[in-house]
């Protein structure tokens, strides 16, 4: 199995888990009375799981190379925390299908901009008619899921 196939397979599994994560966090949010508490619990559990993997693989937590990364590389966890909190709030209100299609539309819009300009250290992949059409189809899909 090559790296691309493995990456795509893992991405599909991650997508499934994101779909399951939203309603489980919504349950935590309902029980606690707060989507922020739900997100906090989710991140504690996730941090413990990642810590166990780091410990089991003897990964380096503080490589000297970390001193070289730009400031914005350190705030990636905020993006995930925001999504988890929003998902815990929105899932019971709009449903998982609407939540995730809207999130995918937002992700794809940002991805096209990041790729087009080669931002955040990415290689440039210009927006083409085909890529733009794919984005518009995702937006149309999100609208159709919302209407149902």
Protein backbone atom coordinates (compact mmCIF):
# COMPACT_ATOMS: atom_id res chain seq x y z
CA UNK A 1 0.00 0.00 0.00
CA UNK A 2 1.45 3.35 -1.00
CA UNK A 3 1.40 6.54 1.07
CA UNK A 4 -1.39 8.17 -0.93
CA UNK A 5 -3.71 5.16 -0.57
CA UNK A 6 -3.01 4.93 3.14
CA UNK A 7 -3.58 8.68 3.55
CA UNK A 8 -6.93 8.54 1.75
CA UNK A 9 -8.04 5.51 3.74
CA UNK A 10 -7.12 7.20 7.01
CA UNK A 11 -8.90 10.39 5.86
CA UNK A 12 -12.09 8.40 5.23
CA UNK A 13 -11.86 6.82 8.69
CA UNK A 14 -11.22 10.26 10.21
CA UNK A 15 -14.30 11.58 8.40
CA UNK A 16 -16.42 8.79 9.85
CA UNK A 17 -15.08 9.54 13.32
CA UNK A 18 -15.81 13.25 12.93
CA UNK A 19 -19.41 12.38 12.07
CA UNK A 20 -19.62 10.26 15.22
CA UNK A 21 -17.78 12.84 17.33
CA UNK A 22 -20.39 15.58 16.82
CA UNK A 23 -23.36 13.70 18.31
CA UNK A 24 -21.29 12.22 21.14
CA UNK A 25 -20.07 15.70 22.05
CA UNK A 26 -23.65 16.96 21.75
CA UNK A 27 -24.60 14.37 24.40
CA UNK A 28 -21.84 15.71 26.64
CA UNK A 29 -22.97 19.26 25.92
CA UNK A 30 -26.56 18.48 26.82
CA UNK A 31 -25.59 16.69 30.02
CA UNK A 32 -23.18 19.42 31.10
CA UNK A 33 -25.29 22.31 29.83
CA UNK A 34 -22.40 23.66 27.76
CA UNK A 35 -20.86 22.88 24.36
CA UNK A 36 -17.63 24.40 25.69
CA UNK A 37 -17.50 21.87 28.54
CA UNK A 38 -18.17 19.13 25.98
CA UNK A 39 -15.31 20.37 23.81
CA UNK A 40 -13.05 20.59 26.86
CA UNK A 41 -13.81 16.98 27.85
CA UNK A 42 -13.26 15.90 24.24
CA UNK A 43 -9.86 17.58 24.13
CA UNK A 44 -8.80 16.14 27.48
CA UNK A 45 -9.59 12.64 26.24
CA UNK A 46 -7.89 13.34 22.90
CA UNK A 47 -4.82 14.78 24.62
CA UNK A 48 -4.55 11.73 26.86
CA UNK A 49 -4.84 9.43 23.84
CA UNK A 50 -2.16 11.33 21.95
CA UNK A 51 0.04 11.40 25.05
CA UNK A 52 -0.23 7.62 25.29
CA UNK A 53 0.81 7.27 21.64
CA UNK A 54 3.76 9.62 22.14
CA UNK A 55 4.82 7.67 25.24
CA UNK A 56 4.40 4.30 23.51
CA UNK A 57 6.42 5.40 20.48
CA UNK A 58 9.00 7.34 22.50
CA UNK A 59 8.32 10.39 20.35
CA UNK A 60 10.11 13.60 21.09
CA UNK A 61 7.78 16.09 22.69
CA UNK A 62 10.09 19.08 22.47
CA UNK A 63 12.31 18.85 19.46
CA UNK A 64 14.73 21.78 19.02
CA UNK A 65 13.13 22.32 15.59
CA UNK A 66 9.96 23.49 17.35
CA UNK A 67 11.76 26.75 18.13
CA UNK A 68 11.86 27.46 14.40
CA UNK A 69 8.15 27.27 13.60
CA UNK A 70 6.15 30.49 13.16
CA UNK A 71 3.76 31.63 15.90
CA UNK A 72 0.65 30.59 13.97
CA UNK A 73 1.79 26.96 13.93
CA UNK A 74 1.16 26.89 17.68
CA UNK A 75 -2.53 27.78 17.50
CA UNK A 76 -3.74 24.83 15.43
CA UNK A 77 -5.47 23.33 18.45
CA UNK A 78 -7.71 26.39 18.63
CA UNK A 79 -9.21 25.54 15.23
CA UNK A 80 -10.06 22.03 16.34
CA UNK A 81 -11.45 23.24 19.65
CA UNK A 82 -13.65 25.75 17.85
CA UNK A 83 -14.99 23.06 15.52
CA UNK A 84 -15.67 20.62 18.34
CA UNK A 85 -17.53 23.25 20.37
CA UNK A 86 -19.55 24.39 17.35
CA UNK A 87 -20.37 20.77 16.47
CA UNK A 88 -21.56 20.06 20.02
CA UNK A 89 -23.79 23.14 19.80
CA UNK A 90 -25.04 22.76 16.22
CA UNK A 91 -25.46 18.99 15.81
CA UNK A 92 -28.70 18.73 17.80
CA UNK A 93 -30.06 21.88 16.16
CA UNK A 94 -29.36 21.30 12.47
CA UNK A 95 -28.36 17.62 12.28
CA UNK A 96 -25.06 15.96 11.45
CA UNK A 97 -25.62 16.02 7.69
CA UNK A 98 -26.15 19.77 7.55
CA UNK A 99 -23.37 20.47 10.05
CA UNK A 100 -20.80 18.41 8.20
CA UNK A 101 -21.73 19.50 4.67
CA UNK A 102 -21.48 23.13 5.78
CA UNK A 103 -18.14 22.37 7.46
CA UNK A 104 -16.85 20.61 4.33
CA UNK A 105 -17.90 23.58 2.19
CA UNK A 106 -15.98 25.89 4.53
CA UNK A 107 -12.97 23.56 4.54
CA UNK A 108 -12.93 23.36 0.76
CA UNK A 109 -13.22 27.14 0.34
CA UNK A 110 -10.26 27.64 2.68
CA UNK A 111 -8.32 24.81 1.04
CA UNK A 112 -8.72 26.34 -2.40
CA UNK A 113 -7.36 29.68 -1.17
CA UNK A 114 -4.50 28.04 0.75
CA UNK A 115 -3.58 25.88 -2.24
CA UNK A 116 -3.93 28.65 -4.81
CA UNK A 117 -1.55 31.00 -3.00
CA UNK A 118 0.66 28.33 -1.43
CA UNK A 119 -0.03 29.72 2.04
CA UNK A 120 1.29 28.25 5.30
CA UNK A 121 4.13 26.47 3.54
CA UNK A 122 1.97 24.56 1.06
CA UNK A 123 2.90 23.99 -2.56
CA UNK A 124 0.89 26.13 -4.99
CA UNK A 125 -2.02 24.41 -6.72
CA UNK A 126 -3.90 27.07 -8.70
CA UNK A 127 -7.68 27.18 -8.69
CA UNK A 128 -8.88 25.79 -12.00
CA UNK A 129 -12.32 25.68 -13.53
CA UNK A 130 -12.59 22.03 -12.48
CA UNK A 131 -11.62 22.78 -8.87
CA UNK A 132 -14.00 25.74 -8.74
CA UNK A 133 -16.80 23.58 -10.16
CA UNK A 134 -16.09 20.93 -7.50
CA UNK A 135 -16.38 23.60 -4.81
CA UNK A 136 -19.68 24.86 -6.25
CA UNK A 137 -21.02 21.30 -6.30
CA UNK A 138 -20.12 20.90 -2.62
CA UNK A 139 -21.89 24.17 -1.80
CA UNK A 140 -24.91 23.01 -3.81
CA UNK A 141 -24.81 19.69 -1.94
CA UNK A 142 -24.73 21.51 1.39
CA UNK A 143 -27.74 23.57 0.34
CA UNK A 144 -29.62 20.45 -0.78
CA UNK A 145 -28.91 18.64 2.49
CA UNK A 146 -30.11 21.72 4.40
CA UNK A 147 -33.38 21.90 2.40
CA UNK A 148 -34.33 18.30 3.08
